[in-house]
Amino acid sequence: MSIRLRVVQGATVALCAAETDAEPGDVYLDDSAHHALSTKFGLDWQEMGFITDPPIDKELARLMETQKVRDAKEALARWLET
């Protein structure tokens, strides 16, 4: 689903693009961007133990993994030490 990200009264909200008209400052995410984010959320939630099923799009998850340059848990630990 296409999404519009918009700031409303100081809060960032995600809106159905089909149900809303574009406004200045909106960030438009097409179906491809929505799919990529959904896969990323699924991977994150699986890693944190919130869900147990693997992401549906395993090929996209594999491609995402090829771009990883550091481990988030290790980076957070280093940032917290400073």
N, C-alpha and C. Protein backbone atom coordinates (compact mmCIF):
# COMPACT_ATOMS: atom_id res chain seq x y z
N MET A 1 0.83 -1.18 0.00
CA MET A 1 0.00 0.00 0.00
C MET A 1 0.87 1.24 0.00
N SER A 2 0.52 2.19 -0.81
CA SER A 2 1.24 3.45 -0.83
C SER A 2 0.89 4.25 0.42
N ILE A 3 1.88 4.95 0.94
CA ILE A 3 1.73 5.65 2.21
C ILE A 3 2.21 7.09 2.05
N ARG A 4 1.57 7.98 2.78
CA ARG A 4 2.08 9.34 2.93
C ARG A 4 2.49 9.52 4.39
N LEU A 5 3.72 9.97 4.60
CA LEU A 5 4.17 10.36 5.94
C LEU A 5 3.95 11.86 6.05
N ARG A 6 3.32 12.27 7.14
CA ARG A 6 2.96 13.67 7.30
C ARG A 6 3.08 14.05 8.78
N VAL A 7 3.48 15.26 9.05
CA VAL A 7 3.51 15.77 10.41
C VAL A 7 2.18 16.48 10.66
N VAL A 8 1.44 15.99 11.66
CA VAL A 8 0.15 16.57 12.03
C VAL A 8 0.24 16.95 13.51
N GLN A 9 0.10 18.21 13.80
CA GLN A 9 0.17 18.73 15.17
C GLN A 9 1.43 18.23 15.89
N GLY A 10 2.55 18.22 15.18
CA GLY A 10 3.83 17.86 15.76
C GLY A 10 4.13 16.37 15.79
N ALA A 11 3.19 15.54 15.38
CA ALA A 11 3.40 14.08 15.38
C ALA A 11 3.50 13.58 13.94
N THR A 12 4.46 12.71 13.68
CA THR A 12 4.57 12.09 12.36
C THR A 12 3.58 10.94 12.29
N VAL A 13 2.74 10.98 11.25
CA VAL A 13 1.73 9.93 11.06
C VAL A 13 1.91 9.31 9.69
N ALA A 14 1.49 8.05 9.57
CA ALA A 14 1.48 7.34 8.29
C ALA A 14 0.03 7.24 7.84
N LEU A 15 -0.23 7.69 6.61
CA LEU A 15 -1.58 7.75 6.09
C LEU A 15 -1.70 6.93 4.81
N CYS A 16 -2.85 6.37 4.58
CA CYS A 16 -3.13 5.69 3.32
C CYS A 16 -3.11 6.73 2.20
N ALA A 17 -2.26 6.53 1.21
CA ALA A 17 -2.15 7.50 0.13
C ALA A 17 -3.42 7.58 -0.70
N ALA A 18 -4.16 6.48 -0.80
CA ALA A 18 -5.40 6.49 -1.58
C ALA A 18 -6.50 7.27 -0.88
N GLU A 19 -6.41 7.40 0.42
CA GLU A 19 -7.46 8.07 1.20
C GLU A 19 -7.16 9.54 1.48
N THR A 20 -5.98 10.00 1.09
CA THR A 20 -5.58 11.37 1.40
C THR A 20 -5.05 12.06 0.15
N ASP A 21 -5.13 13.37 0.14
CA ASP A 21 -4.55 14.17 -0.93
C ASP A 21 -3.15 14.60 -0.49
N ALA A 22 -2.27 14.71 -1.46
CA ALA A 22 -0.90 15.15 -1.17
C ALA A 22 -0.91 16.57 -0.64
N GLU A 23 -0.04 16.82 0.34
CA GLU A 23 0.17 18.16 0.88
C GLU A 23 1.66 18.46 0.86
N PRO A 24 2.02 19.74 0.81
CA PRO A 24 3.44 20.09 0.87
C PRO A 24 4.09 19.50 2.11
N GLY A 25 5.27 18.93 1.92
CA GLY A 25 6.00 18.34 3.03
C GLY A 25 5.75 16.86 3.23
N ASP A 26 4.73 16.30 2.57
CA ASP A 26 4.48 14.86 2.68
C ASP A 26 5.67 14.08 2.11
N VAL A 27 5.93 12.95 2.69
CA VAL A 27 6.89 12.00 2.12
C VAL A 27 6.05 10.85 1.58
N TYR A 28 6.15 10.60 0.29
CA TYR A 28 5.35 9.57 -0.36
C TYR A 28 6.16 8.29 -0.47
N LEU A 29 5.61 7.20 0.01
CA LEU A 29 6.24 5.89 -0.10
C LEU A 29 5.37 5.03 -1.01
N ASP A 30 5.93 4.57 -2.12
CA ASP A 30 5.16 3.73 -3.02
C ASP A 30 5.09 2.30 -2.49
N ASP A 31 4.42 1.43 -3.23
CA ASP A 31 4.24 0.05 -2.78
C ASP A 31 5.58 -0.65 -2.53
N SER A 32 6.57 -0.35 -3.36
CA SER A 32 7.88 -0.98 -3.21
C SER A 32 8.55 -0.56 -1.90
N ALA A 33 8.46 0.72 -1.56
CA ALA A 33 9.04 1.20 -0.30
C ALA A 33 8.30 0.61 0.89
N HIS A 34 6.97 0.53 0.79
CA HIS A 34 6.17 -0.06 1.86
C HIS A 34 6.57 -1.52 2.07
N HIS A 35 6.75 -2.25 0.98
CA HIS A 35 7.14 -3.66 1.06
C HIS A 35 8.51 -3.80 1.73
N ALA A 36 9.45 -2.96 1.34
CA ALA A 36 10.79 -3.02 1.93
C ALA A 36 10.74 -2.73 3.43
N LEU A 37 9.97 -1.72 3.83
CA LEU A 37 9.86 -1.39 5.26
C LEU A 37 9.17 -2.51 6.03
N SER A 38 8.14 -3.10 5.46
CA SER A 38 7.45 -4.20 6.12
C SER A 38 8.39 -5.37 6.36
N THR A 39 9.22 -5.65 5.37
CA THR A 39 10.20 -6.73 5.52
C THR A 39 11.19 -6.40 6.63
N LYS A 40 11.66 -5.15 6.66
CA LYS A 40 12.61 -4.72 7.71
C LYS A 40 11.98 -4.82 9.09
N PHE A 41 10.73 -4.36 9.23
CA PHE A 41 10.05 -4.47 10.52
C PHE A 41 9.93 -5.93 10.94
N GLY A 42 9.58 -6.79 9.99
CA GLY A 42 9.47 -8.22 10.29
C GLY A 42 10.78 -8.80 10.78
N LEU A 43 11.87 -8.44 10.13
CA LEU A 43 13.20 -8.92 10.56
C LEU A 43 13.52 -8.40 11.96
N ASP A 44 13.26 -7.12 12.20
CA ASP A 44 13.53 -6.54 13.52
C ASP A 44 12.71 -7.22 14.60
N TRP A 45 11.42 -7.39 14.35
CA TRP A 45 10.53 -8.00 15.35
C TRP A 45 10.89 -9.45 15.60
N GLN A 46 11.34 -10.14 14.55
CA GLN A 46 11.78 -11.52 14.73
C GLN A 46 13.03 -11.56 15.59
N GLU A 47 13.99 -10.68 15.32
CA GLU A 47 15.24 -10.64 16.10
C GLU A 47 14.97 -10.32 17.56
N MET A 48 13.96 -9.46 17.82
CA MET A 48 13.64 -9.08 19.20
C MET A 48 12.73 -10.10 19.89
N GLY A 49 12.30 -11.11 19.16
CA GLY A 49 11.49 -12.15 19.76
C GLY A 49 10.00 -11.86 19.80
N PHE A 50 9.57 -10.80 19.13
CA PHE A 50 8.15 -10.46 19.13
C PHE A 50 7.34 -11.38 18.22
N ILE A 51 7.97 -11.85 17.15
CA ILE A 51 7.33 -12.79 16.24
C ILE A 51 8.30 -13.94 15.97
N THR A 52 7.79 -15.07 15.59
CA THR A 52 8.65 -16.22 15.34
C THR A 52 8.72 -16.60 13.87
N ASP A 53 7.75 -16.19 13.08
CA ASP A 53 7.76 -16.53 11.66
C ASP A 53 8.79 -15.70 10.92
N PRO A 54 9.48 -16.33 9.96
CA PRO A 54 10.45 -15.57 9.18
C PRO A 54 9.75 -14.58 8.26
N PRO A 55 10.48 -13.57 7.77
CA PRO A 55 9.88 -12.63 6.84
C PRO A 55 9.37 -13.37 5.60
N ILE A 56 8.30 -12.89 5.04
CA ILE A 56 7.71 -13.55 3.88
C ILE A 56 8.64 -13.45 2.67
N ASP A 57 9.24 -12.30 2.45
CA ASP A 57 10.09 -12.10 1.28
C ASP A 57 11.54 -12.41 1.63
N LYS A 58 11.90 -13.66 1.55
CA LYS A 58 13.25 -14.08 1.94
C LYS A 58 14.32 -13.52 1.03
N GLU A 59 14.02 -13.36 -0.26
CA GLU A 59 15.01 -12.80 -1.19
C GLU A 59 15.30 -11.34 -0.85
N LEU A 60 14.27 -10.57 -0.53
CA LEU A 60 14.49 -9.18 -0.13
C LEU A 60 15.28 -9.13 1.17
N ALA A 61 14.98 -10.00 2.11
CA ALA A 61 15.73 -10.05 3.36
C ALA A 61 17.19 -10.39 3.09
N ARG A 62 17.44 -11.30 2.16
CA ARG A 62 18.81 -11.66 1.81
C ARG A 62 19.54 -10.46 1.20
N LEU A 63 18.87 -9.73 0.31
CA LEU A 63 19.49 -8.55 -0.30
C LEU A 63 19.79 -7.49 0.75
N MET A 64 18.87 -7.30 1.69
CA MET A 64 19.08 -6.32 2.75
C MET A 64 20.31 -6.69 3.58
N GLU A 65 20.47 -7.96 3.85
CA GLU A 65 21.61 -8.43 4.66
C GLU A 65 22.94 -8.13 3.97
N THR A 66 22.97 -8.12 2.63
CA THR A 66 24.22 -7.83 1.92
C THR A 66 24.70 -6.40 2.13
N GLN A 67 23.83 -5.53 2.62
CA GLN A 67 24.19 -4.13 2.81
C GLN A 67 24.64 -3.81 4.23
N LYS A 68 24.55 -4.78 5.11
CA LYS A 68 24.91 -4.58 6.51
C LYS A 68 26.42 -4.38 6.65
N VAL A 69 26.81 -3.34 7.36
CA VAL A 69 28.23 -3.07 7.55
C VAL A 69 28.66 -3.15 9.01
N ARG A 70 27.69 -3.25 9.92
CA ARG A 70 28.02 -3.39 11.34
C ARG A 70 26.84 -4.04 12.05
N ASP A 71 27.09 -4.56 13.23
CA ASP A 71 26.05 -5.16 14.05
C ASP A 71 25.43 -4.09 14.94
N ALA A 72 24.13 -3.96 14.89
CA ALA A 72 23.44 -2.89 15.62
C ALA A 72 23.63 -3.01 17.13
N LYS A 73 23.59 -4.22 17.65
CA LYS A 73 23.76 -4.41 19.10
C LYS A 73 25.15 -3.99 19.55
N GLU A 74 26.16 -4.35 18.77
CA GLU A 74 27.53 -3.95 19.11
C GLU A 74 27.69 -2.44 18.99
N ALA A 75 27.10 -1.83 17.95
CA ALA A 75 27.20 -0.37 17.78
C ALA A 75 26.51 0.34 18.94
N LEU A 76 25.36 -0.12 19.35
CA LEU A 76 24.65 0.49 20.48
C LEU A 76 25.48 0.39 21.75
N ALA A 77 26.08 -0.76 21.99
CA ALA A 77 26.90 -0.94 23.18
C ALA A 77 28.07 0.06 23.18
N ARG A 78 28.70 0.25 22.03
CA ARG A 78 29.82 1.21 21.94
C ARG A 78 29.31 2.64 22.17
N TRP A 79 28.16 2.97 21.58
CA TRP A 79 27.62 4.33 21.74
C TRP A 79 27.27 4.60 23.20
N LEU A 80 26.77 3.60 23.90
CA LEU A 80 26.39 3.79 25.29
C LEU A 80 27.59 3.93 26.21
N GLU A 81 28.74 3.40 25.78
CA GLU A 81 29.96 3.50 26.57
C GLU A 81 30.56 4.91 26.54
N THR A 82 30.23 5.69 25.53
CA THR A 82 30.83 7.03 25.39
C THR A 82 30.06 8.07 26.16
